[in-house]
N, C-alpha and C. Protein backbone atom coordinates (compact mmCIF):
# COMPACT_ATOMS: atom_id res chain seq x y z
N MET A 1 58.41 8.88 26.52
CA MET A 1 57.38 9.17 26.43
C MET A 1 57.25 7.93 25.77
N LYS A 2 57.91 6.82 25.01
CA LYS A 2 58.57 5.61 24.44
C LYS A 2 57.95 4.72 25.88
N LYS A 3 58.91 4.45 26.77
CA LYS A 3 58.36 3.99 28.09
C LYS A 3 57.01 3.76 28.73
N GLN A 4 56.37 5.27 28.65
CA GLN A 4 54.95 5.57 28.72
C GLN A 4 54.02 4.86 28.07
N LEU A 5 54.21 4.77 26.75
CA LEU A 5 53.70 4.02 25.52
C LEU A 5 53.67 2.22 26.11
N LEU A 6 54.59 2.73 26.44
CA LEU A 6 55.31 0.78 26.12
C LEU A 6 54.17 0.28 27.38
N PHE A 7 54.55 0.89 28.57
CA PHE A 7 53.74 0.53 29.71
C PHE A 7 51.86 0.75 29.94
N LEU A 8 51.62 1.80 29.20
CA LEU A 8 50.22 1.75 29.00
C LEU A 8 50.10 0.57 28.17
N SER A 9 50.73 -0.05 26.94
CA SER A 9 50.21 -1.22 25.84
C SER A 9 50.39 -2.35 27.10
N ALA A 10 51.00 -2.87 27.76
CA ALA A 10 52.03 -4.24 28.84
C ALA A 10 49.99 -3.99 29.73
N ALA A 11 49.94 -2.88 30.23
CA ALA A 11 48.99 -2.79 31.07
C ALA A 11 47.50 -3.42 30.42
N ALA A 12 47.28 -2.54 29.13
CA ALA A 12 46.11 -2.68 28.87
C ALA A 12 45.92 -4.09 28.50
N ALA A 13 47.83 -4.74 27.56
CA ALA A 13 47.51 -6.17 27.51
C ALA A 13 47.01 -6.91 28.28
N LEU A 14 47.14 -7.03 29.81
CA LEU A 14 47.53 -7.65 30.53
C LEU A 14 46.09 -7.52 31.51
N LEU A 15 45.40 -6.31 31.68
CA LEU A 15 43.99 -6.23 31.46
C LEU A 15 42.78 -6.61 30.73
N LEU A 16 42.85 -7.25 29.19
CA LEU A 16 42.28 -7.64 28.34
C LEU A 16 42.10 -8.97 28.66
N THR A 17 43.69 -9.72 29.23
CA THR A 17 44.37 -11.35 29.17
C THR A 17 43.27 -11.77 30.42
N ALA A 18 43.36 -10.88 31.29
CA ALA A 18 42.78 -11.31 32.73
C ALA A 18 41.22 -11.49 32.70
N CYS A 19 40.49 -10.63 31.64
CA CYS A 19 39.05 -10.56 31.47
C CYS A 19 38.65 -11.86 30.75
N GLY A 20 39.43 -12.88 30.03
CA GLY A 20 38.77 -13.82 28.83
C GLY A 20 38.88 -15.04 29.88
N GLY A 21 38.89 -15.08 31.05
CA GLY A 21 38.72 -16.24 31.20
C GLY A 21 37.49 -17.25 31.57
N GLY A 22 37.35 -18.71 31.12
CA GLY A 22 36.41 -19.24 31.39
C GLY A 22 35.38 -19.42 32.33
N GLY A 23 36.69 -19.99 33.15
CA GLY A 23 36.26 -20.71 34.34
C GLY A 23 35.68 -22.50 34.21
N GLY A 24 34.21 -22.19 34.76
CA GLY A 24 33.34 -23.23 33.85
C GLY A 24 33.26 -24.64 34.39
N GLY A 25 34.20 -24.72 34.92
CA GLY A 25 34.66 -26.63 35.02
C GLY A 25 33.74 -27.12 35.90
N ASP A 26 33.17 -25.61 36.27
CA ASP A 26 32.30 -27.13 38.17
C ASP A 26 30.65 -27.26 37.04
N ALA A 27 30.27 -27.18 35.97
CA ALA A 27 29.04 -26.88 35.42
C ALA A 27 28.78 -28.51 35.39
N ALA A 28 27.59 -28.54 35.71
CA ALA A 28 27.29 -29.83 35.76
C ALA A 28 26.77 -30.71 34.18
N PRO A 29 27.44 -32.02 34.22
CA PRO A 29 26.78 -32.17 32.71
C PRO A 29 25.37 -32.37 32.32
N PRO A 30 25.14 -31.51 31.03
CA PRO A 30 23.34 -32.25 30.84
C PRO A 30 23.24 -33.48 30.89
N VAL A 31 21.54 -33.05 30.93
CA VAL A 31 20.38 -34.26 31.61
C VAL A 31 20.54 -34.89 29.96
N ALA A 32 20.36 -36.06 29.85
CA ALA A 32 20.15 -36.64 28.47
C ALA A 32 18.65 -36.70 28.48
N ALA A 33 18.15 -36.53 27.51
CA ALA A 33 16.40 -36.82 27.85
C ALA A 33 15.55 -37.97 28.02
N ASP A 34 15.03 -37.98 28.19
CA ASP A 34 14.50 -39.48 28.59
C ASP A 34 13.62 -39.29 27.31
N PRO A 35 13.67 -40.75 26.59
CA PRO A 35 12.61 -40.83 25.33
C PRO A 35 11.56 -41.85 24.69
N ASP A 36 11.73 -41.98 26.37
CA ASP A 36 9.81 -41.90 26.54
C ASP A 36 9.04 -41.17 26.95
N ALA A 37 10.08 -40.13 27.29
CA ALA A 37 8.92 -39.08 27.88
C ALA A 37 8.71 -37.91 25.97
N ILE A 38 9.06 -38.62 25.03
CA ILE A 38 8.84 -37.45 23.98
C ILE A 38 7.95 -38.43 23.37
N VAL A 39 6.71 -37.70 23.07
CA VAL A 39 5.38 -37.98 22.22
C VAL A 39 5.37 -37.29 20.58
N ASP A 40 5.92 -38.75 20.21
CA ASP A 40 6.38 -38.31 18.48
C ASP A 40 4.78 -37.31 17.59
N MET A 41 5.37 -36.40 17.46
CA MET A 41 3.82 -35.93 16.23
C MET A 41 4.26 -36.52 14.93
N PRO A 42 2.61 -36.68 13.86
CA PRO A 42 2.81 -37.90 13.13
C PRO A 42 3.19 -37.53 12.26
N ALA A 43 3.95 -37.41 11.26
CA ALA A 43 4.22 -36.97 9.76
C ALA A 43 3.06 -35.96 9.34
N SER A 44 2.04 -36.13 9.22
CA SER A 44 0.69 -36.16 8.32
C SER A 44 0.42 -34.70 9.03
N ALA A 45 1.02 -33.90 10.27
CA ALA A 45 0.86 -32.84 10.51
C ALA A 45 1.29 -32.24 10.50
N ALA A 46 2.17 -32.22 10.24
CA ALA A 46 3.39 -31.35 8.76
C ALA A 46 3.48 -31.04 7.65
N ALA A 47 2.07 -31.59 7.08
CA ALA A 47 1.84 -31.45 5.93
C ALA A 47 1.16 -29.85 5.82
N THR A 48 0.86 -29.29 6.46
CA THR A 48 0.00 -28.00 6.59
C THR A 48 -0.73 -27.19 8.00
N PRO A 49 -0.57 -26.37 8.21
CA PRO A 49 -1.28 -25.24 9.15
C PRO A 49 -2.52 -26.66 9.04
N LYS A 50 -3.79 -26.35 8.99
CA LYS A 50 -5.11 -27.10 9.19
C LYS A 50 -4.56 -28.50 9.41
N ALA A 51 -3.70 -29.24 8.88
CA ALA A 51 -3.34 -30.01 9.70
C ALA A 51 -2.81 -30.91 10.53
N LEU A 52 -1.92 -29.60 11.43
CA LEU A 52 -1.35 -29.43 12.77
C LEU A 52 -2.68 -29.11 13.51
N ASN A 53 -3.54 -27.79 13.07
CA ASN A 53 -4.13 -27.67 14.41
C ASN A 53 -5.29 -29.16 14.43
N ASP A 54 -5.77 -29.83 13.18
CA ASP A 54 -6.13 -30.77 13.50
C ASP A 54 -6.18 -31.97 14.31
N THR A 55 -4.77 -32.44 14.35
CA THR A 55 -3.65 -33.45 14.68
C THR A 55 -3.75 -33.12 16.51
N LEU A 56 -3.32 -31.41 16.71
CA LEU A 56 -3.65 -31.25 18.19
C LEU A 56 -5.14 -31.21 18.70
N ALA A 57 -6.28 -30.38 18.02
CA ALA A 57 -7.01 -30.60 18.75
C ALA A 57 -7.54 -31.47 18.74
N ALA A 58 -7.63 -33.30 18.08
CA ALA A 58 -7.52 -34.33 18.53
C ALA A 58 -7.09 -34.88 19.81
N MET A 59 -5.97 -34.50 19.69
CA MET A 59 -5.41 -35.40 20.89
C MET A 59 -5.96 -35.24 22.33
N PRO A 60 -6.13 -36.25 23.49
CA PRO A 60 -7.10 -35.51 24.32
C PRO A 60 -6.23 -34.60 25.59
N ALA A 61 -7.36 -33.74 25.97
CA ALA A 61 -6.71 -32.90 26.83
C ALA A 61 -6.12 -33.79 28.42
N ASP A 62 -4.99 -33.96 28.55
CA ASP A 62 -4.45 -34.37 29.56
C ASP A 62 -3.45 -33.86 30.81
N ASP A 63 -3.45 -33.70 31.64
CA ASP A 63 -2.27 -32.88 32.23
C ASP A 63 -1.01 -33.71 32.61
N ARG A 64 -1.90 -34.28 32.90
CA ARG A 64 -0.27 -35.81 32.87
C ARG A 64 0.38 -36.27 31.58
N ALA A 65 -0.66 -35.78 30.20
CA ALA A 65 0.39 -36.69 29.10
C ALA A 65 1.67 -35.80 29.68
N ASN A 66 2.45 -36.85 28.51
CA ASN A 66 4.08 -36.85 28.01
C ASN A 66 3.54 -35.97 27.31
N PRO A 67 5.00 -34.82 26.83
CA PRO A 67 4.99 -33.49 26.43
C PRO A 67 5.50 -34.03 24.87
N LEU A 68 4.18 -32.89 23.76
CA LEU A 68 4.82 -33.18 22.28
C LEU A 68 6.29 -32.99 22.31
N GLY A 69 6.78 -33.87 20.95
CA GLY A 69 8.19 -33.79 20.56
C GLY A 69 7.81 -32.49 19.34
N LEU A 70 7.66 -32.10 19.17
CA LEU A 70 7.47 -30.82 18.27
C LEU A 70 8.50 -30.13 18.25
N ASP A 71 10.31 -30.47 19.00
CA ASP A 71 10.92 -30.26 18.40
C ASP A 71 11.79 -31.28 17.30
N ARG A 72 11.23 -31.94 17.33
CA ARG A 72 11.60 -33.33 16.21
C ARG A 72 10.62 -33.06 14.69
N MET A 73 10.78 -32.15 14.33
CA MET A 73 9.48 -31.50 13.23
C MET A 73 9.78 -29.73 12.58
N SER A 74 9.50 -30.18 11.69
CA SER A 74 9.10 -28.27 11.45
C SER A 74 8.05 -28.15 11.37
N LEU A 75 7.65 -26.82 12.03
CA LEU A 75 6.43 -26.23 11.98
C LEU A 75 5.26 -26.00 10.65
N PRO A 76 4.56 -26.35 9.64
CA PRO A 76 3.86 -25.82 8.87
C PRO A 76 3.55 -24.98 8.42
N THR A 77 4.09 -23.39 7.85
CA THR A 77 3.16 -22.65 7.38
C THR A 77 3.03 -21.70 6.38
N SER A 78 2.16 -21.15 6.18
CA SER A 78 1.61 -20.93 5.26
C SER A 78 1.58 -19.08 4.65
N ASP A 79 1.58 -18.50 3.77
CA ASP A 79 1.65 -17.48 3.51
C ASP A 79 0.58 -17.06 2.94
N THR A 80 -0.77 -18.19 2.22
CA THR A 80 -1.65 -17.50 2.02
C THR A 80 -3.06 -17.99 2.82
N SER A 81 -3.00 -18.76 3.58
CA SER A 81 -3.68 -18.78 4.39
C SER A 81 -4.28 -17.93 5.94
N GLU A 82 -5.35 -18.25 5.88
CA GLU A 82 -5.64 -17.02 7.93
C GLU A 82 -5.20 -17.67 8.50
N PRO A 83 -4.91 -17.05 9.62
CA PRO A 83 -3.89 -17.48 10.82
C PRO A 83 -5.02 -18.24 11.56
N LEU A 84 -5.03 -19.45 12.03
CA LEU A 84 -6.24 -20.62 12.93
C LEU A 84 -5.83 -20.27 14.29
N ALA A 85 -6.70 -20.77 14.98
CA ALA A 85 -6.34 -20.28 16.31
C ALA A 85 -6.74 -21.77 16.81
N LEU A 86 -5.64 -22.18 17.80
CA LEU A 86 -5.83 -23.59 18.28
C LEU A 86 -7.35 -23.77 19.27
N GLU A 87 -7.39 -24.67 19.70
CA GLU A 87 -8.92 -25.00 20.27
C GLU A 87 -8.37 -26.13 21.92
């Protein structure tokens, strides 16, 4: 009985350690973002949701324009104002 328990414990440990490998040495290195390809949002746009909406509405619609750097700012929220539709 003890030998069977020892064998099962060793087999379980062997199976669990075989599953934990990561590999991952072949992954491509991350590509650095081009700083010129991101348009910074003005700081005034983060003041209120209305200010952000007005800033976005004032920007020209251009399919060839650089993307906005929204990840660099905290988007404003409001618990009291109604939701605004982006135009």
